């Protein structure tokens, strides 16, 4: 399934709305954007160099844990990549809306200073909680 840019952006807005208010209140100076696919530089920035691997989302900036709250320059960026997310939904059978929401959550966690392994553990706890 391929969505228009507007349809995908609407899913991103819905994904942001799923974030608990206590986190949204603290979300400062962050631009959330949609791109079709990650660039080679974006892939390499997170250590993806093998063909066939891709990226669903990317956080770029200074996390709040590292003083990002006080940064008054350009906003941090959360980029969601439409084509890989749509491909993931087809491969996994999951709904695009759920993958978008999970990706938004994942990248916002990075904004708050969580490292990749911490985000993955938190995602598992969140999914277990939602399944019960």
Protein backbone atom coordinates (compact mmCIF):
# COMPACT_ATOMS: atom_id res chain seq x y z
CA UNK A 1 0.00 0.00 0.00
CA UNK A 2 1.35 3.39 -0.96
CA UNK A 3 0.05 6.52 0.73
CA UNK A 4 0.13 10.08 -0.50
CA UNK A 5 2.39 12.52 1.32
CA UNK A 6 -0.68 14.07 3.01
CA UNK A 7 -2.06 10.69 4.13
CA UNK A 8 1.31 9.73 5.57
CA UNK A 9 1.71 13.10 7.32
CA UNK A 10 -1.76 12.58 8.85
CA UNK A 11 -0.55 9.23 10.24
CA UNK A 12 2.50 10.96 11.68
CA UNK A 13 0.25 13.52 13.41
CA UNK A 14 -1.85 10.66 14.80
CA UNK A 15 1.34 8.94 15.99
CA UNK A 16 2.39 12.08 17.83
CA UNK A 17 -1.07 12.27 19.40
CA UNK A 18 -0.50 8.76 20.83
CA UNK A 19 2.48 9.98 22.87
CA UNK A 20 1.52 10.49 26.53
CA UNK A 21 0.88 14.14 27.39
CA UNK A 22 3.61 14.12 30.08
CA UNK A 23 6.18 13.67 27.28
CA UNK A 24 4.56 15.99 24.76
CA UNK A 25 4.62 18.81 27.35
CA UNK A 26 8.42 18.50 27.46
CA UNK A 27 8.96 18.17 23.72
CA UNK A 28 10.74 21.36 22.72
CA UNK A 29 12.38 22.67 19.57
CA UNK A 30 11.79 19.51 17.50
CA UNK A 31 10.70 19.43 13.86
CA UNK A 32 9.04 16.22 12.70
CA UNK A 33 9.37 15.76 8.96
CA UNK A 34 8.64 13.11 6.36
CA UNK A 35 11.03 12.07 3.60
CA UNK A 36 10.59 9.28 1.07
CA UNK A 37 13.82 7.42 1.86
CA UNK A 38 16.98 7.92 3.91
CA UNK A 39 20.09 9.17 2.17
CA UNK A 40 23.30 7.14 2.19
CA UNK A 41 24.73 9.63 4.70
CA UNK A 42 21.74 9.15 7.01
CA UNK A 43 22.09 5.37 6.80
CA UNK A 44 25.81 5.55 7.49
CA UNK A 45 25.24 7.91 10.43
CA UNK A 46 23.59 5.05 12.29
CA UNK A 47 25.94 2.34 11.03
CA UNK A 48 23.81 0.91 8.23
CA UNK A 49 26.10 0.00 5.36
CA UNK A 50 24.77 -3.34 4.08
CA UNK A 51 22.53 -3.51 1.05
CA UNK A 52 18.95 -4.34 1.93
CA UNK A 53 19.07 -2.68 5.36
CA UNK A 54 17.17 0.51 5.87
CA UNK A 55 15.93 3.02 8.39
CA UNK A 56 12.35 3.84 9.39
CA UNK A 57 13.14 6.99 11.34
CA UNK A 58 16.03 9.16 12.45
CA UNK A 59 16.57 11.57 15.34
CA UNK A 60 19.16 14.29 14.75
CA UNK A 61 19.96 16.82 17.43
CA UNK A 62 21.08 17.30 20.98
CA UNK A 63 18.97 15.22 23.32
CA UNK A 64 17.43 16.81 26.38
CA UNK A 65 19.64 14.57 28.52
CA UNK A 66 22.66 16.27 26.96
CA UNK A 67 21.41 19.81 27.36
CA UNK A 68 19.24 20.05 24.26
CA UNK A 69 16.48 21.81 26.17
CA UNK A 70 18.57 24.92 26.36
CA UNK A 71 19.64 24.89 22.73
CA UNK A 72 18.07 27.87 20.99
CA UNK A 73 19.41 27.30 17.47
CA UNK A 74 17.96 25.16 14.72
CA UNK A 75 15.41 22.63 15.92
CA UNK A 76 16.26 18.99 16.41
CA UNK A 77 14.85 16.82 13.64
CA UNK A 78 12.86 13.64 13.68
CA UNK A 79 12.57 12.27 10.17
CA UNK A 80 10.20 9.46 9.25
CA UNK A 81 10.91 7.62 6.01
CA UNK A 82 7.70 6.82 4.14
CA UNK A 83 8.90 4.18 1.64
CA UNK A 84 10.68 1.92 4.18
CA UNK A 85 7.74 2.19 6.59
CA UNK A 86 5.29 1.19 3.86
CA UNK A 87 7.57 -1.72 2.89
CA UNK A 88 7.81 -2.84 6.53
CA UNK A 89 4.02 -2.83 6.81
CA UNK A 90 3.71 -5.03 3.71
CA UNK A 91 6.40 -7.45 4.91
CA UNK A 92 5.18 -7.73 8.48
CA UNK A 93 1.46 -7.46 7.84
CA UNK A 94 1.26 -4.70 10.43
CA UNK A 95 -0.78 -1.57 9.94
CA UNK A 96 1.16 1.42 8.64
CA UNK A 97 -0.41 3.58 11.39
CA UNK A 98 1.07 1.31 14.09
CA UNK A 99 4.53 1.32 12.52
CA UNK A 100 4.44 5.10 12.15
CA UNK A 101 3.34 5.51 15.79
CA UNK A 102 6.06 3.12 16.99
CA UNK A 103 8.68 4.96 14.94
CA UNK A 104 7.56 8.36 16.28
CA UNK A 105 7.73 6.98 19.84
CA UNK A 106 11.19 5.51 19.18
CA UNK A 107 12.65 8.75 17.83
CA UNK A 108 11.09 10.89 20.57
CA UNK A 109 12.70 8.55 23.10
CA UNK A 110 16.06 9.42 21.52
CA UNK A 111 15.19 13.12 21.90
CA UNK A 112 14.82 12.52 25.63
CA UNK A 113 18.27 10.94 25.76
CA UNK A 114 17.63 7.23 25.50
CA UNK A 115 20.27 5.17 23.71
CA UNK A 116 19.23 2.49 21.21
CA UNK A 117 19.37 -0.42 23.67
CA UNK A 118 17.35 1.56 26.25
CA UNK A 119 14.73 2.42 23.62
CA UNK A 120 14.44 -1.22 22.59
CA UNK A 121 13.94 -2.36 26.21
CA UNK A 122 11.37 0.39 26.80
CA UNK A 123 9.53 -0.60 23.61
CA UNK A 124 9.32 -4.21 24.79
CA UNK A 125 7.91 -3.09 28.16
CA UNK A 126 5.43 -0.77 26.44
CA UNK A 127 4.26 -3.53 24.06
CA UNK A 128 3.92 -6.04 26.90
CA UNK A 129 1.85 -3.52 28.84
CA UNK A 130 -0.38 -2.84 25.81
CA UNK A 131 -0.85 -6.58 25.18
CA UNK A 132 -2.07 -7.25 28.72
